[in-house]
Every structure is written in C-alpha cells, then in structure tokens.
Protein backbone atom coordinates (compact mmCIF):
# COMPACT_ATOMS: atom_id res chain seq x y z
CA UNK A 1 2.93 -4.04 27.99
CA UNK A 2 1.30 -1.27 29.98
CA UNK A 3 0.44 0.50 26.75
CA UNK A 4 -1.41 -2.55 25.45
CA UNK A 5 -3.38 -2.78 28.67
CA UNK A 6 -4.29 0.88 28.40
CA UNK A 7 -5.34 0.61 24.78
CA UNK A 8 -7.49 -2.40 25.60
CA UNK A 9 -9.16 -0.53 28.44
CA UNK A 10 -9.71 2.53 26.25
CA UNK A 11 -11.55 0.47 23.66
CA UNK A 12 -13.70 -1.18 26.28
CA UNK A 13 -14.46 1.91 28.37
CA UNK A 14 -13.71 4.91 26.22
CA UNK A 15 -11.14 7.57 26.94
CA UNK A 16 -13.31 9.81 29.09
CA UNK A 17 -14.59 6.92 31.20
CA UNK A 18 -11.08 5.70 31.75
CA UNK A 19 -10.01 9.06 33.10
CA UNK A 20 -13.19 9.72 35.05
CA UNK A 21 -13.14 6.30 36.69
CA UNK A 22 -9.98 7.22 38.57
CA UNK A 23 -10.61 6.94 42.29
CA UNK A 24 -8.01 9.42 43.49
CA UNK A 25 -6.42 12.54 42.07
CA UNK A 26 -3.11 10.67 41.95
CA UNK A 27 -4.74 7.86 39.93
CA UNK A 28 -6.29 10.43 37.58
CA UNK A 29 -2.91 12.12 37.12
CA UNK A 30 -1.22 8.75 36.47
CA UNK A 31 -3.85 7.78 33.89
CA UNK A 32 -3.73 11.18 32.22
CA UNK A 33 0.08 11.10 32.05
CA UNK A 34 0.06 7.59 30.63
CA UNK A 35 -2.52 8.47 27.97
CA UNK A 36 -0.66 11.65 27.08
CA UNK A 37 2.53 9.66 26.55
CA UNK A 38 0.70 7.15 24.38
CA UNK A 39 -0.82 9.90 22.26
CA UNK A 40 2.55 11.63 21.88
CA UNK A 41 4.27 8.38 20.90
CA UNK A 42 1.54 7.56 18.41
CA UNK A 43 1.70 11.06 16.98
CA UNK A 44 5.48 10.69 16.49
CA UNK A 45 5.07 7.28 14.88
CA UNK A 46 2.41 8.65 12.55
CA UNK A 47 4.65 11.57 11.62
CA UNK A 48 7.58 9.22 10.93
CA UNK A 49 5.34 6.95 8.88
CA UNK A 50 4.08 9.85 6.76
CA UNK A 51 7.65 11.05 6.21
CA UNK A 52 8.65 7.55 5.10
CA UNK A 53 5.73 7.42 2.66
CA UNK A 54 6.74 10.80 1.25
CA UNK A 55 10.36 9.68 0.84
CA UNK A 56 9.25 6.48 -0.90
CA UNK A 57 7.00 8.45 -3.24
CA UNK A 58 9.86 10.77 -4.13
CA UNK A 59 12.17 7.81 -4.77
CA UNK A 60 9.49 6.18 -6.93
CA UNK A 61 9.06 9.39 -8.93
CA UNK A 62 12.82 9.64 -9.45
CA UNK A 63 12.99 6.02 -10.55
CA UNK A 64 10.17 6.57 -13.03
CA UNK A 65 11.97 9.61 -14.44
CA UNK A 66 15.19 7.62 -14.83
CA UNK A 67 13.36 4.74 -16.50
CA UNK A 68 11.62 7.11 -18.90
CA UNK A 69 14.94 8.71 -19.77
CA UNK A 70 16.64 5.34 -20.26
CA UNK A 71 13.83 4.06 -22.45
CA UNK A 72 14.01 7.18 -24.58
CA UNK A 73 17.77 6.74 -24.97
CA UNK A 74 17.35 3.05 -25.83
CA UNK A 75 14.75 3.94 -28.42
CA UNK A 76 17.09 6.51 -30.01
CA UNK A 77 19.88 3.94 -30.14
CA UNK A 78 17.56 1.34 -31.64
CA UNK A 79 17.86 -1.06 -28.72
CA UNK A 80 14.12 -1.30 -28.14
CA UNK A 81 12.40 -4.02 -30.07
CA UNK A 82 8.83 -5.23 -29.82
CA UNK A 83 9.91 -8.12 -27.59
CA UNK A 84 11.96 -5.78 -25.37
CA UNK A 85 8.98 -3.47 -24.98
CA UNK A 86 6.74 -6.42 -24.11
CA UNK A 87 9.26 -7.67 -21.56
CA UNK A 88 9.41 -4.23 -19.95
CA UNK A 89 5.62 -3.84 -20.00
CA UNK A 90 5.67 -0.78 -22.25
C-alpha cells in the first residue's frame, strides 16, 4: 500500500520534488530509501518479465520448428490433403 501512495505522489509532484520536499534529513533518508526499494523491485520485475518473454519466444520458435518438421513428414507420407492444409492454415 505504501508503494501505491508513493507512486501516486511521484506522479503528482515528480521524483525530485518528492525528495526535496522532505522537512528533515530523516524524512529525506526515509523517502530516498523507499524510492530506491521501489526502483530496485521494479527493475527486478522488469528483468523477470523480459526473461519470461525470451523463454516464450524460444518455446514458440521450437514449436514452429517441430510443426514444420511434422508437416514435412506428413507430406512425405501423403497424409496432407487440401482440406488438411486448409484446416491447419497452411
């Protein structure tokens, strides 16, 4: 919940204003620490998200290779007909 409050304040005031509006050094340190943690957490989430996208892309590439191989084998065996190709979207 605190993170949402901070993000809301950041959008309304801006990051620099949020830090510079601290009234005491302790308040500044608290705000800076909180923002640093948010940035680190967001950076980790972004990294995990990009890794997941990469893994999905690799899986999609592998699936496409398998499908291409299977279709070639079906064609060699004579299993592919015009209706089969239409059903598969070939």
